[in-house]
Amino acid sequence: MSKDKDGVNVLLVAAFAGWKAIPWVAWAHSDISPLLLLQKHHVTCRVVRKRRHAYDEIEYVDFRKTLGTTNIVLVFKEKLTTFSGNTANAKLAAEALEIFRQKGCRLSQRAQQLLEQNAMDGSS
């Protein structure tokens, strides 16, 4: 992650636009210039186009990991679509999830488990 005057840029290797009901199915993806920028009052994300969402527009933040992907998933209130950012790194994902938690976003059980695991790994 990098921090500057604009916020915290979570480094992504790819981004996906998916469906809330079937999160592993993406209707768009990009590995050219994916973006997940955590700013003071909102998050800016990009798969194809930049989109800005206030933190209170996020229903919850999820974490999904499978072979080759380590994704932060943003599920939005009143929208059928999701944003997934592949960090390819669980530690980086945990750092970003902690920021979402501090901003008042609800975390899924998987996301909470990653934070707990990261805290235990950091204390040893």
N, C-alpha and C. Protein backbone atom coordinates (compact mmCIF):
# COMPACT_ATOMS: atom_id res chain seq x y z
N MET A 1 0.85 -1.17 0.00
CA MET A 1 0.00 0.00 0.00
C MET A 1 0.89 1.23 0.00
N SER A 2 0.38 2.25 -0.61
CA SER A 2 1.09 3.52 -0.58
C SER A 2 0.11 4.59 -0.11
N LYS A 3 0.64 5.53 0.66
CA LYS A 3 -0.19 6.59 1.23
C LYS A 3 0.32 7.92 0.72
N ASP A 4 -0.62 8.78 0.30
CA ASP A 4 -0.27 10.13 -0.10
C ASP A 4 -1.44 11.05 0.26
N LYS A 5 -1.43 12.27 -0.27
CA LYS A 5 -2.46 13.25 0.06
C LYS A 5 -3.86 12.80 -0.38
N ASP A 6 -3.93 11.90 -1.36
CA ASP A 6 -5.23 11.44 -1.85
C ASP A 6 -5.83 10.31 -1.02
N GLY A 7 -5.00 9.62 -0.24
CA GLY A 7 -5.48 8.51 0.57
C GLY A 7 -4.52 7.35 0.54
N VAL A 8 -5.05 6.16 0.80
CA VAL A 8 -4.25 4.94 0.82
C VAL A 8 -4.58 4.14 -0.44
N ASN A 9 -3.58 3.94 -1.27
CA ASN A 9 -3.74 3.17 -2.50
C ASN A 9 -3.38 1.72 -2.21
N VAL A 10 -4.39 0.84 -2.29
CA VAL A 10 -4.16 -0.59 -2.09
C VAL A 10 -3.69 -1.16 -3.42
N LEU A 11 -2.48 -1.68 -3.45
CA LEU A 11 -1.92 -2.17 -4.70
C LEU A 11 -2.62 -3.45 -5.13
N LEU A 12 -3.18 -3.42 -6.34
CA LEU A 12 -3.92 -4.55 -6.89
C LEU A 12 -3.23 -5.09 -8.13
N VAL A 13 -3.36 -6.39 -8.36
CA VAL A 13 -2.86 -6.98 -9.60
C VAL A 13 -3.99 -7.11 -10.62
N ALA A 14 -5.24 -7.08 -10.15
CA ALA A 14 -6.41 -7.15 -11.03
C ALA A 14 -7.64 -6.71 -10.26
N ALA A 15 -8.67 -6.33 -11.00
CA ALA A 15 -9.95 -5.95 -10.40
C ALA A 15 -11.07 -6.57 -11.20
N PHE A 16 -12.18 -6.85 -10.51
CA PHE A 16 -13.31 -7.53 -11.12
C PHE A 16 -14.61 -6.86 -10.71
N ALA A 17 -15.54 -6.75 -11.65
CA ALA A 17 -16.90 -6.32 -11.35
C ALA A 17 -17.75 -7.57 -11.40
N GLY A 18 -18.42 -7.84 -10.29
CA GLY A 18 -19.19 -9.08 -10.21
C GLY A 18 -20.63 -8.84 -9.84
N TRP A 19 -21.33 -9.94 -9.62
CA TRP A 19 -22.72 -9.92 -9.22
C TRP A 19 -22.83 -10.28 -7.76
N LYS A 20 -23.66 -9.57 -7.04
CA LYS A 20 -23.83 -9.79 -5.60
C LYS A 20 -24.26 -11.23 -5.31
N ALA A 21 -25.16 -11.79 -6.08
CA ALA A 21 -25.68 -13.14 -5.82
C ALA A 21 -24.69 -14.25 -6.15
N ILE A 22 -23.77 -13.99 -7.07
CA ILE A 22 -22.77 -14.99 -7.46
C ILE A 22 -21.40 -14.31 -7.56
N PRO A 23 -20.75 -14.12 -6.42
CA PRO A 23 -19.55 -13.28 -6.36
C PRO A 23 -18.35 -13.77 -7.17
N TRP A 24 -18.27 -15.04 -7.51
CA TRP A 24 -17.13 -15.52 -8.30
C TRP A 24 -17.33 -15.34 -9.79
N VAL A 25 -18.50 -14.86 -10.21
CA VAL A 25 -18.75 -14.62 -11.62
C VAL A 25 -18.57 -13.12 -11.88
N ALA A 26 -17.61 -12.79 -12.73
CA ALA A 26 -17.33 -11.39 -13.04
C ALA A 26 -17.89 -11.04 -14.42
N TRP A 27 -18.48 -9.87 -14.53
CA TRP A 27 -18.95 -9.42 -15.83
C TRP A 27 -17.94 -8.47 -16.48
N ALA A 28 -16.93 -8.07 -15.71
CA ALA A 28 -15.83 -7.25 -16.26
C ALA A 28 -14.60 -7.47 -15.39
N HIS A 29 -13.44 -7.37 -16.01
CA HIS A 29 -12.18 -7.47 -15.25
C HIS A 29 -11.10 -6.66 -15.95
N SER A 30 -10.07 -6.33 -15.19
CA SER A 30 -8.94 -5.59 -15.75
C SER A 30 -7.70 -5.84 -14.92
N ASP A 31 -6.60 -6.02 -15.62
CA ASP A 31 -5.31 -6.06 -14.95
C ASP A 31 -4.41 -4.94 -15.48
N ILE A 32 -5.00 -4.01 -16.23
CA ILE A 32 -4.23 -2.90 -16.80
C ILE A 32 -3.99 -1.81 -15.76
N SER A 33 -5.03 -1.30 -15.16
CA SER A 33 -4.85 -0.25 -14.14
C SER A 33 -5.93 -0.36 -13.06
N PRO A 34 -5.99 -1.49 -12.37
CA PRO A 34 -6.99 -1.64 -11.31
C PRO A 34 -6.72 -0.64 -10.18
N LEU A 35 -7.77 -0.21 -9.51
CA LEU A 35 -7.61 0.80 -8.47
C LEU A 35 -8.51 0.51 -7.29
N LEU A 36 -7.94 0.63 -6.10
CA LEU A 36 -8.69 0.63 -4.84
C LEU A 36 -8.02 1.69 -3.97
N LEU A 37 -8.63 2.87 -3.93
CA LEU A 37 -8.09 4.01 -3.21
C LEU A 37 -9.00 4.34 -2.03
N LEU A 38 -8.45 4.20 -0.82
CA LEU A 38 -9.22 4.44 0.40
C LEU A 38 -8.98 5.89 0.84
N GLN A 39 -10.00 6.71 0.69
CA GLN A 39 -9.89 8.12 1.01
C GLN A 39 -10.64 8.42 2.31
N LYS A 40 -10.62 9.67 2.72
CA LYS A 40 -11.17 10.03 4.03
C LYS A 40 -12.65 9.65 4.18
N HIS A 41 -13.48 10.02 3.21
CA HIS A 41 -14.92 9.81 3.34
C HIS A 41 -15.49 8.83 2.32
N HIS A 42 -14.66 8.36 1.41
CA HIS A 42 -15.15 7.47 0.37
C HIS A 42 -14.02 6.59 -0.17
N VAL A 43 -14.43 5.61 -0.95
CA VAL A 43 -13.49 4.72 -1.61
C VAL A 43 -13.66 4.92 -3.12
N THR A 44 -12.54 4.95 -3.83
CA THR A 44 -12.57 5.02 -5.29
C THR A 44 -12.03 3.70 -5.82
N CYS A 45 -12.79 3.08 -6.70
CA CYS A 45 -12.33 1.82 -7.28
C CYS A 45 -12.49 1.87 -8.80
N ARG A 46 -11.66 1.06 -9.46
CA ARG A 46 -11.73 1.03 -10.92
C ARG A 46 -11.50 -0.39 -11.41
N VAL A 47 -12.43 -0.84 -12.22
CA VAL A 47 -12.22 -2.02 -13.04
C VAL A 47 -11.97 -1.49 -14.45
N VAL A 48 -12.99 -0.86 -15.03
CA VAL A 48 -12.87 -0.20 -16.33
C VAL A 48 -12.94 1.31 -16.14
N ARG A 49 -13.95 1.77 -15.38
CA ARG A 49 -14.10 3.20 -15.09
C ARG A 49 -13.99 3.42 -13.59
N LYS A 50 -13.53 4.62 -13.22
CA LYS A 50 -13.47 4.97 -11.80
C LYS A 50 -14.88 5.17 -11.26
N ARG A 51 -15.09 4.63 -10.06
CA ARG A 51 -16.36 4.83 -9.36
C ARG A 51 -16.06 5.18 -7.92
N ARG A 52 -16.84 6.08 -7.38
CA ARG A 52 -16.64 6.55 -6.02
C ARG A 52 -17.85 6.17 -5.17
N HIS A 53 -17.58 5.65 -3.98
CA HIS A 53 -18.65 5.23 -3.08
C HIS A 53 -18.31 5.71 -1.67
N ALA A 54 -19.30 6.30 -1.01
CA ALA A 54 -19.12 6.64 0.41
C ALA A 54 -19.03 5.33 1.19
N TYR A 55 -18.31 5.36 2.30
CA TYR A 55 -18.18 4.14 3.10
C TYR A 55 -19.53 3.63 3.58
N ASP A 56 -20.48 4.53 3.84
CA ASP A 56 -21.78 4.06 4.31
C ASP A 56 -22.64 3.45 3.20
N GLU A 57 -22.17 3.48 1.95
CA GLU A 57 -22.84 2.80 0.84
C GLU A 57 -22.42 1.34 0.75
N ILE A 58 -21.42 0.95 1.54
CA ILE A 58 -20.91 -0.42 1.50
C ILE A 58 -21.71 -1.26 2.49
N GLU A 59 -22.35 -2.30 1.98
CA GLU A 59 -23.13 -3.21 2.84
C GLU A 59 -22.18 -4.00 3.74
N TYR A 60 -21.13 -4.58 3.14
CA TYR A 60 -20.08 -5.25 3.90
C TYR A 60 -18.87 -5.47 3.01
N VAL A 61 -17.75 -5.75 3.65
CA VAL A 61 -16.50 -6.04 2.95
C VAL A 61 -16.16 -7.50 3.23
N ASP A 62 -15.88 -8.23 2.17
CA ASP A 62 -15.60 -9.66 2.27
C ASP A 62 -14.15 -9.92 1.87
N PHE A 63 -13.69 -11.11 2.21
CA PHE A 63 -12.35 -11.58 1.82
C PHE A 63 -12.53 -12.96 1.21
N ARG A 64 -11.98 -13.14 0.02
CA ARG A 64 -12.07 -14.44 -0.65
C ARG A 64 -10.70 -14.80 -1.20
N LYS A 65 -10.31 -16.04 -0.92
CA LYS A 65 -9.00 -16.50 -1.38
C LYS A 65 -9.16 -17.87 -2.04
N THR A 66 -8.54 -18.01 -3.18
CA THR A 66 -8.48 -19.28 -3.88
C THR A 66 -7.16 -19.32 -4.64
N LEU A 67 -6.93 -20.36 -5.35
CA LEU A 67 -5.68 -20.53 -6.08
C LEU A 67 -5.36 -19.30 -6.93
N GLY A 68 -4.30 -18.59 -6.57
CA GLY A 68 -3.84 -17.45 -7.35
C GLY A 68 -4.53 -16.12 -7.09
N THR A 69 -5.55 -16.09 -6.24
CA THR A 69 -6.23 -14.83 -5.97
C THR A 69 -6.40 -14.61 -4.47
N THR A 70 -6.27 -13.37 -4.08
CA THR A 70 -6.50 -12.93 -2.70
C THR A 70 -7.32 -11.65 -2.81
N ASN A 71 -8.63 -11.79 -2.71
CA ASN A 71 -9.53 -10.69 -3.06
C ASN A 71 -10.19 -10.01 -1.88
N ILE A 72 -10.22 -8.68 -1.96
CA ILE A 72 -11.07 -7.86 -1.12
C ILE A 72 -12.32 -7.61 -1.94
N VAL A 73 -13.48 -7.94 -1.38
CA VAL A 73 -14.74 -7.81 -2.12
C VAL A 73 -15.61 -6.77 -1.44
N LEU A 74 -16.00 -5.76 -2.19
CA LEU A 74 -16.91 -4.73 -1.69
C LEU A 74 -18.31 -5.04 -2.19
N VAL A 75 -19.23 -5.24 -1.26
CA VAL A 75 -20.63 -5.50 -1.58
C VAL A 75 -21.39 -4.22 -1.20
N PHE A 76 -22.05 -3.64 -2.18
CA PHE A 76 -22.69 -2.34 -1.99
C PHE A 76 -24.17 -2.47 -1.67
N LYS A 77 -24.65 -1.56 -0.83
CA LYS A 77 -26.08 -1.48 -0.53
C LYS A 77 -26.80 -1.03 -1.80
N GLU A 78 -28.00 -1.54 -2.01
CA GLU A 78 -28.87 -1.10 -3.10
C GLU A 78 -28.25 -1.22 -4.48
N LYS A 79 -27.27 -2.12 -4.64
CA LYS A 79 -26.69 -2.39 -5.96
C LYS A 79 -26.63 -3.89 -6.15
N LEU A 80 -26.70 -4.32 -7.39
CA LEU A 80 -26.59 -5.75 -7.70
C LEU A 80 -25.16 -6.18 -7.95
N THR A 81 -24.26 -5.20 -8.08
CA THR A 81 -22.88 -5.51 -8.45
C THR A 81 -21.93 -5.38 -7.27
N THR A 82 -20.76 -5.99 -7.45
CA THR A 82 -19.69 -5.95 -6.44
C THR A 82 -18.40 -5.51 -7.10
N PHE A 83 -17.44 -5.12 -6.28
CA PHE A 83 -16.08 -4.84 -6.74
C PHE A 83 -15.16 -5.78 -6.00
N SER A 84 -14.29 -6.46 -6.74
CA SER A 84 -13.28 -7.33 -6.13
C SER A 84 -11.91 -6.86 -6.59
N GLY A 85 -11.02 -6.69 -5.63
CA GLY A 85 -9.64 -6.31 -5.94
C GLY A 85 -8.70 -7.41 -5.49
N ASN A 86 -7.91 -7.92 -6.41
CA ASN A 86 -6.95 -8.99 -6.10
C ASN A 86 -5.63 -8.36 -5.66
N THR A 87 -5.33 -8.50 -4.37
CA THR A 87 -4.07 -7.98 -3.84
C THR A 87 -2.93 -8.98 -4.02
N ALA A 88 -3.27 -10.25 -4.24
CA ALA A 88 -2.29 -11.34 -4.36
C ALA A 88 -1.44 -11.48 -3.09
N ASN A 89 -1.92 -10.91 -1.97
CA ASN A 89 -1.13 -10.89 -0.75
C ASN A 89 -2.08 -10.75 0.45
N ALA A 90 -2.14 -11.77 1.30
CA ALA A 90 -3.07 -11.75 2.43
C ALA A 90 -2.74 -10.66 3.44
N LYS A 91 -1.46 -10.39 3.66
CA LYS A 91 -1.07 -9.34 4.62
C LYS A 91 -1.56 -7.97 4.13
N LEU A 92 -1.37 -7.70 2.86
CA LEU A 92 -1.85 -6.44 2.28
C LEU A 92 -3.37 -6.36 2.37
N ALA A 93 -4.04 -7.46 2.08
CA ALA A 93 -5.51 -7.48 2.18
C ALA A 93 -5.94 -7.19 3.62
N ALA A 94 -5.26 -7.78 4.59
CA ALA A 94 -5.60 -7.55 6.00
C ALA A 94 -5.40 -6.09 6.38
N GLU A 95 -4.35 -5.46 5.90
CA GLU A 95 -4.12 -4.04 6.20
C GLU A 95 -5.25 -3.19 5.64
N ALA A 96 -5.69 -3.50 4.44
CA ALA A 96 -6.80 -2.75 3.84
C ALA A 96 -8.11 -3.01 4.59
N LEU A 97 -8.35 -4.26 4.96
CA LEU A 97 -9.56 -4.59 5.72
C LEU A 97 -9.61 -3.85 7.04
N GLU A 98 -8.47 -3.68 7.68
CA GLU A 98 -8.42 -2.93 8.94
C GLU A 98 -8.84 -1.48 8.72
N ILE A 99 -8.45 -0.89 7.60
CA ILE A 99 -8.86 0.49 7.31
C ILE A 99 -10.37 0.54 7.09
N PHE A 100 -10.91 -0.42 6.33
CA PHE A 100 -12.36 -0.47 6.15
C PHE A 100 -13.07 -0.59 7.50
N ARG A 101 -12.55 -1.43 8.39
CA ARG A 101 -13.14 -1.59 9.73
C ARG A 101 -13.13 -0.26 10.48
N GLN A 102 -11.99 0.45 10.42
CA GLN A 102 -11.87 1.74 11.10
C GLN A 102 -12.83 2.78 10.52
N LYS A 103 -13.18 2.63 9.26
CA LYS A 103 -14.13 3.56 8.61
C LYS A 103 -15.58 3.20 8.93
N GLY A 104 -15.78 2.13 9.70
CA GLY A 104 -17.13 1.75 10.10
C GLY A 104 -17.80 0.75 9.20
N CYS A 105 -17.07 0.16 8.28
CA CYS A 105 -17.65 -0.84 7.38
C CYS A 105 -17.77 -2.19 8.10
N ARG A 106 -18.88 -2.86 7.86
CA ARG A 106 -19.08 -4.20 8.42
C ARG A 106 -18.21 -5.18 7.63
N LEU A 107 -17.54 -6.07 8.34
CA LEU A 107 -16.69 -7.08 7.71
C LEU A 107 -17.38 -8.44 7.78
N SER A 108 -17.21 -9.23 6.73
CA SER A 108 -17.73 -10.60 6.73
C SER A 108 -16.95 -11.43 7.73
N GLN A 109 -17.44 -12.62 8.01
CA GLN A 109 -16.75 -13.52 8.93
C GLN A 109 -15.36 -13.86 8.38
N ARG A 110 -15.26 -14.09 7.07
CA ARG A 110 -13.95 -14.40 6.46
C ARG A 110 -12.98 -13.24 6.64
N ALA A 111 -13.47 -12.02 6.45
CA ALA A 111 -12.61 -10.84 6.60
C ALA A 111 -12.16 -10.70 8.05
N GLN A 112 -13.07 -10.92 8.99
CA GLN A 112 -12.71 -10.84 10.41
C GLN A 112 -11.68 -11.91 10.77
N GLN A 113 -11.85 -13.11 10.22
CA GLN A 113 -10.89 -14.19 10.49
C GLN A 113 -9.50 -13.84 9.97
N LEU A 114 -9.44 -13.20 8.79
CA LEU A 114 -8.13 -12.80 8.27
C LEU A 114 -7.48 -11.78 9.19
N LEU A 115 -8.25 -10.81 9.69
CA LEU A 115 -7.69 -9.82 10.62
C LEU A 115 -7.18 -10.48 11.89
N GLU A 116 -7.95 -11.43 12.41
CA GLU A 116 -7.52 -12.15 13.62
C GLU A 116 -6.24 -12.94 13.36
N GLN A 117 -6.19 -13.62 12.22
CA GLN A 117 -5.00 -14.40 11.87
C GLN A 117 -3.79 -13.48 11.69
N ASN A 118 -4.00 -12.35 11.04
CA ASN A 118 -2.91 -11.40 10.82
C ASN A 118 -2.40 -10.85 12.16
N ALA A 119 -3.32 -10.59 13.10
CA ALA A 119 -2.93 -10.09 14.42
C ALA A 119 -2.12 -11.15 15.17
N MET A 120 -2.53 -12.41 15.07
CA MET A 120 -1.79 -13.49 15.74
C MET A 120 -0.41 -13.67 15.12
N ASP A 121 -0.33 -13.58 13.80
CA ASP A 121 0.96 -13.72 13.12
C ASP A 121 1.89 -12.57 13.48
N GLY A 122 1.32 -11.38 13.67
CA GLY A 122 2.12 -10.22 14.01
C GLY A 122 2.61 -10.21 15.44
N SER A 123 1.93 -10.95 16.32
CA SER A 123 2.33 -10.96 17.73
C SER A 123 3.34 -12.04 18.05
N SER A 124 3.63 -12.92 17.08
CA SER A 124 4.60 -13.99 17.37
C SER A 124 6.00 -13.60 17.00
